[in-house]
Amino acid sequence: MKYRTIGLLMSAVLALAACEKEGSAERAGKEVDKAAEQAQDALNEASKDVQEAAKDVENAAKEAGHEVKKATEEAKEDVKKEMDK
């Protein structure tokens, strides 16, 4: 019984030691995980850039709209002045 327990304990220790060694599959898995994380980070950054660009375009369109409205009102006033002469 005593030898059996010692044998089981030694087997358990060897099994744990074998699990700690990193094989090529584990290294490849870590590299894949790292690449996936980097790709996700790049996509998140690109998404932020697109959102900022969309806001810039929206602001520029609003500003252009205000300029067109202002120019239209000025032209309208000029035409009205000419007609009142």
N, C-alpha and C. Protein backbone atom coordinates (compact mmCIF):
# COMPACT_ATOMS: atom_id res chain seq x y z
N MET A 1 0.83 -1.19 0.00
CA MET A 1 0.00 0.00 0.00
C MET A 1 0.87 1.25 0.00
N LYS A 2 1.94 1.21 0.79
CA LYS A 2 2.84 2.34 0.90
C LYS A 2 3.51 2.62 -0.45
N TYR A 3 3.96 1.58 -1.14
CA TYR A 3 4.62 1.75 -2.43
C TYR A 3 3.64 2.23 -3.49
N ARG A 4 2.44 1.77 -3.34
CA ARG A 4 1.40 2.17 -4.29
C ARG A 4 1.14 3.68 -4.18
N THR A 5 1.05 4.19 -2.97
CA THR A 5 0.82 5.61 -2.73
C THR A 5 1.99 6.43 -3.26
N ILE A 6 3.20 5.95 -2.99
CA ILE A 6 4.39 6.65 -3.47
C ILE A 6 4.39 6.65 -5.01
N GLY A 7 4.04 5.54 -5.61
CA GLY A 7 3.98 5.44 -7.07
C GLY A 7 2.95 6.41 -7.65
N LEU A 8 1.80 6.50 -7.03
CA LEU A 8 0.76 7.44 -7.49
C LEU A 8 1.22 8.88 -7.36
N LEU A 9 1.87 9.20 -6.24
CA LEU A 9 2.37 10.56 -6.05
C LEU A 9 3.43 10.90 -7.08
N MET A 10 4.32 9.97 -7.37
CA MET A 10 5.37 10.21 -8.36
C MET A 10 4.76 10.39 -9.75
N SER A 11 3.75 9.60 -10.06
CA SER A 11 3.07 9.74 -11.35
C SER A 11 2.42 11.11 -11.47
N ALA A 12 1.80 11.55 -10.39
CA ALA A 12 1.15 12.86 -10.39
C ALA A 12 2.17 13.97 -10.58
N VAL A 13 3.31 13.86 -9.91
CA VAL A 13 4.35 14.87 -10.03
C VAL A 13 4.89 14.90 -11.46
N LEU A 14 5.13 13.76 -12.05
CA LEU A 14 5.62 13.69 -13.43
C LEU A 14 4.59 14.25 -14.41
N ALA A 15 3.34 13.96 -14.18
CA ALA A 15 2.28 14.46 -15.05
C ALA A 15 2.21 15.99 -14.99
N LEU A 16 2.31 16.54 -13.78
CA LEU A 16 2.29 18.00 -13.64
C LEU A 16 3.52 18.63 -14.29
N ALA A 17 4.65 18.01 -14.14
CA ALA A 17 5.87 18.54 -14.75
C ALA A 17 5.75 18.53 -16.27
N ALA A 18 5.17 17.49 -16.82
CA ALA A 18 5.00 17.40 -18.27
C ALA A 18 4.03 18.47 -18.77
N CYS A 19 3.03 18.79 -17.98
CA CYS A 19 2.04 19.80 -18.38
C CYS A 19 2.64 21.20 -18.42
N GLU A 20 3.66 21.43 -17.62
CA GLU A 20 4.25 22.76 -17.55
C GLU A 20 5.13 23.06 -18.75
N LYS A 21 5.67 22.05 -19.40
CA LYS A 21 6.51 22.27 -20.56
C LYS A 21 5.64 22.70 -21.74
N GLU A 22 6.08 23.76 -22.39
CA GLU A 22 5.31 24.31 -23.51
C GLU A 22 5.78 23.68 -24.81
N GLY A 23 4.86 23.05 -25.50
CA GLY A 23 5.19 22.44 -26.77
C GLY A 23 4.94 23.38 -27.93
N SER A 24 5.19 22.89 -29.12
CA SER A 24 5.03 23.74 -30.31
C SER A 24 3.56 24.13 -30.52
N ALA A 25 2.65 23.24 -30.17
CA ALA A 25 1.23 23.57 -30.33
C ALA A 25 0.82 24.70 -29.39
N GLU A 26 1.34 24.66 -28.17
CA GLU A 26 1.02 25.72 -27.21
C GLU A 26 1.61 27.05 -27.66
N ARG A 27 2.86 27.00 -28.16
CA ARG A 27 3.49 28.24 -28.65
C ARG A 27 2.72 28.79 -29.84
N ALA A 28 2.32 27.91 -30.74
CA ALA A 28 1.55 28.36 -31.91
C ALA A 28 0.21 28.95 -31.48
N GLY A 29 -0.41 28.30 -30.50
CA GLY A 29 -1.69 28.82 -29.98
C GLY A 29 -1.53 30.20 -29.40
N LYS A 30 -0.43 30.42 -28.66
CA LYS A 30 -0.19 31.74 -28.08
C LYS A 30 0.05 32.78 -29.18
N GLU A 31 0.76 32.39 -30.23
CA GLU A 31 1.01 33.31 -31.33
C GLU A 31 -0.30 33.66 -32.05
N VAL A 32 -1.17 32.68 -32.22
CA VAL A 32 -2.46 32.94 -32.85
C VAL A 32 -3.28 33.88 -31.98
N ASP A 33 -3.28 33.64 -30.67
CA ASP A 33 -4.01 34.52 -29.75
C ASP A 33 -3.46 35.94 -29.81
N LYS A 34 -2.13 36.06 -29.86
CA LYS A 34 -1.50 37.38 -29.92
C LYS A 34 -1.87 38.09 -31.23
N ALA A 35 -1.84 37.35 -32.33
CA ALA A 35 -2.18 37.94 -33.63
C ALA A 35 -3.65 38.38 -33.65
N ALA A 36 -4.52 37.56 -33.08
CA ALA A 36 -5.95 37.91 -33.04
C ALA A 36 -6.17 39.16 -32.20
N GLU A 37 -5.45 39.26 -31.10
CA GLU A 37 -5.59 40.44 -30.23
C GLU A 37 -5.09 41.69 -30.95
N GLN A 38 -3.97 41.57 -31.66
CA GLN A 38 -3.45 42.71 -32.41
C GLN A 38 -4.40 43.12 -33.53
N ALA A 39 -5.00 42.14 -34.18
CA ALA A 39 -5.96 42.45 -35.25
C ALA A 39 -7.18 43.17 -34.67
N GLN A 40 -7.65 42.71 -33.50
CA GLN A 40 -8.80 43.35 -32.86
C GLN A 40 -8.46 44.79 -32.48
N ASP A 41 -7.27 44.99 -31.95
CA ASP A 41 -6.84 46.35 -31.58
C ASP A 41 -6.80 47.25 -32.81
N ALA A 42 -6.28 46.73 -33.91
CA ALA A 42 -6.20 47.51 -35.15
C ALA A 42 -7.60 47.84 -35.66
N LEU A 43 -8.52 46.89 -35.58
CA LEU A 43 -9.90 47.14 -36.02
C LEU A 43 -10.56 48.20 -35.14
N ASN A 44 -10.33 48.12 -33.84
CA ASN A 44 -10.90 49.12 -32.93
C ASN A 44 -10.37 50.51 -33.25
N GLU A 45 -9.08 50.60 -33.50
CA GLU A 45 -8.47 51.90 -33.83
C GLU A 45 -9.01 52.43 -35.16
N ALA A 46 -9.14 51.54 -36.15
CA ALA A 46 -9.69 51.96 -37.44
C ALA A 46 -11.14 52.42 -37.30
N SER A 47 -11.89 51.74 -36.46
CA SER A 47 -13.28 52.12 -36.23
C SER A 47 -13.37 53.51 -35.62
N LYS A 48 -12.48 53.79 -34.67
CA LYS A 48 -12.45 55.13 -34.06
C LYS A 48 -12.11 56.18 -35.10
N ASP A 49 -11.13 55.87 -35.96
CA ASP A 49 -10.73 56.81 -37.00
C ASP A 49 -11.89 57.09 -37.97
N VAL A 50 -12.62 56.06 -38.33
CA VAL A 50 -13.76 56.23 -39.24
C VAL A 50 -14.85 57.08 -38.58
N GLN A 51 -15.11 56.83 -37.31
CA GLN A 51 -16.12 57.62 -36.60
C GLN A 51 -15.72 59.09 -36.52
N GLU A 52 -14.43 59.35 -36.25
CA GLU A 52 -13.96 60.74 -36.20
C GLU A 52 -14.07 61.40 -37.57
N ALA A 53 -13.72 60.66 -38.62
CA ALA A 53 -13.82 61.20 -39.97
C ALA A 53 -15.28 61.50 -40.33
N ALA A 54 -16.18 60.63 -39.92
CA ALA A 54 -17.60 60.84 -40.19
C ALA A 54 -18.10 62.10 -39.48
N LYS A 55 -17.65 62.33 -38.26
CA LYS A 55 -18.03 63.55 -37.54
C LYS A 55 -17.47 64.78 -38.24
N ASP A 56 -16.23 64.69 -38.72
CA ASP A 56 -15.64 65.81 -39.45
C ASP A 56 -16.44 66.14 -40.70
N VAL A 57 -16.85 65.11 -41.43
CA VAL A 57 -17.65 65.31 -42.65
C VAL A 57 -19.00 65.92 -42.28
N GLU A 58 -19.61 65.43 -41.22
CA GLU A 58 -20.90 65.96 -40.79
C GLU A 58 -20.78 67.45 -40.43
N ASN A 59 -19.74 67.79 -39.69
CA ASN A 59 -19.54 69.19 -39.31
C ASN A 59 -19.28 70.07 -40.53
N ALA A 60 -18.49 69.56 -41.47
CA ALA A 60 -18.21 70.33 -42.69
C ALA A 60 -19.49 70.52 -43.50
N ALA A 61 -20.34 69.51 -43.57
CA ALA A 61 -21.60 69.62 -44.31
C ALA A 61 -22.53 70.63 -43.65
N LYS A 62 -22.57 70.62 -42.32
CA LYS A 62 -23.40 71.61 -41.61
C LYS A 62 -22.91 73.03 -41.87
N GLU A 63 -21.60 73.19 -41.81
CA GLU A 63 -21.02 74.51 -42.06
C GLU A 63 -21.31 74.97 -43.48
N ALA A 64 -21.17 74.06 -44.43
CA ALA A 64 -21.48 74.40 -45.83
C ALA A 64 -22.95 74.77 -45.97
N GLY A 65 -23.81 74.05 -45.29
CA GLY A 65 -25.24 74.37 -45.33
C GLY A 65 -25.53 75.76 -44.80
N HIS A 66 -24.86 76.13 -43.70
CA HIS A 66 -25.04 77.47 -43.14
C HIS A 66 -24.54 78.54 -44.11
N GLU A 67 -23.42 78.26 -44.77
CA GLU A 67 -22.87 79.22 -45.74
C GLU A 67 -23.82 79.38 -46.93
N VAL A 68 -24.39 78.30 -47.41
CA VAL A 68 -25.33 78.36 -48.53
C VAL A 68 -26.57 79.15 -48.12
N LYS A 69 -27.06 78.89 -46.91
CA LYS A 69 -28.25 79.60 -46.42
C LYS A 69 -27.96 81.11 -46.33
N LYS A 70 -26.78 81.44 -45.79
CA LYS A 70 -26.41 82.85 -45.66
C LYS A 70 -26.30 83.51 -47.04
N ALA A 71 -25.66 82.83 -47.97
CA ALA A 71 -25.51 83.38 -49.32
C ALA A 71 -26.86 83.53 -50.00
N THR A 72 -27.76 82.60 -49.79
CA THR A 72 -29.10 82.66 -50.39
C THR A 72 -29.88 83.85 -49.83
N GLU A 73 -29.79 84.05 -48.51
CA GLU A 73 -30.50 85.18 -47.90
C GLU A 73 -29.93 86.51 -48.39
N GLU A 74 -28.61 86.59 -48.54
CA GLU A 74 -28.00 87.82 -49.06
C GLU A 74 -28.43 88.07 -50.50
N ALA A 75 -28.47 87.02 -51.30
CA ALA A 75 -28.90 87.16 -52.70
C ALA A 75 -30.36 87.57 -52.75
N LYS A 76 -31.16 87.02 -51.88
CA LYS A 76 -32.59 87.36 -51.82
C LYS A 76 -32.75 88.84 -51.48
N GLU A 77 -31.98 89.33 -50.53
CA GLU A 77 -32.05 90.74 -50.16
C GLU A 77 -31.59 91.64 -51.31
N ASP A 78 -30.54 91.21 -52.01
CA ASP A 78 -30.05 91.99 -53.15
C ASP A 78 -31.11 92.08 -54.25
N VAL A 79 -31.77 90.96 -54.52
CA VAL A 79 -32.82 90.95 -55.54
C VAL A 79 -33.98 91.84 -55.11
N LYS A 80 -34.35 91.77 -53.87
CA LYS A 80 -35.45 92.60 -53.35
C LYS A 80 -35.10 94.09 -53.46
N LYS A 81 -33.85 94.44 -53.15
CA LYS A 81 -33.44 95.84 -53.27
C LYS A 81 -33.51 96.31 -54.71
N GLU A 82 -33.09 95.46 -55.63
CA GLU A 82 -33.11 95.80 -57.04
C GLU A 82 -34.53 95.95 -57.55
N MET A 83 -35.42 95.15 -57.05
CA MET A 83 -36.82 95.21 -57.50
C MET A 83 -37.51 96.43 -56.93
N ASP A 84 -37.09 96.89 -55.76
CA ASP A 84 -37.70 98.07 -55.13
C ASP A 84 -37.23 99.36 -55.76
N LYS A 85 -36.23 99.37 -56.56
CA LYS A 85 -35.73 100.59 -57.22
C LYS A 85 -36.66 101.10 -58.23
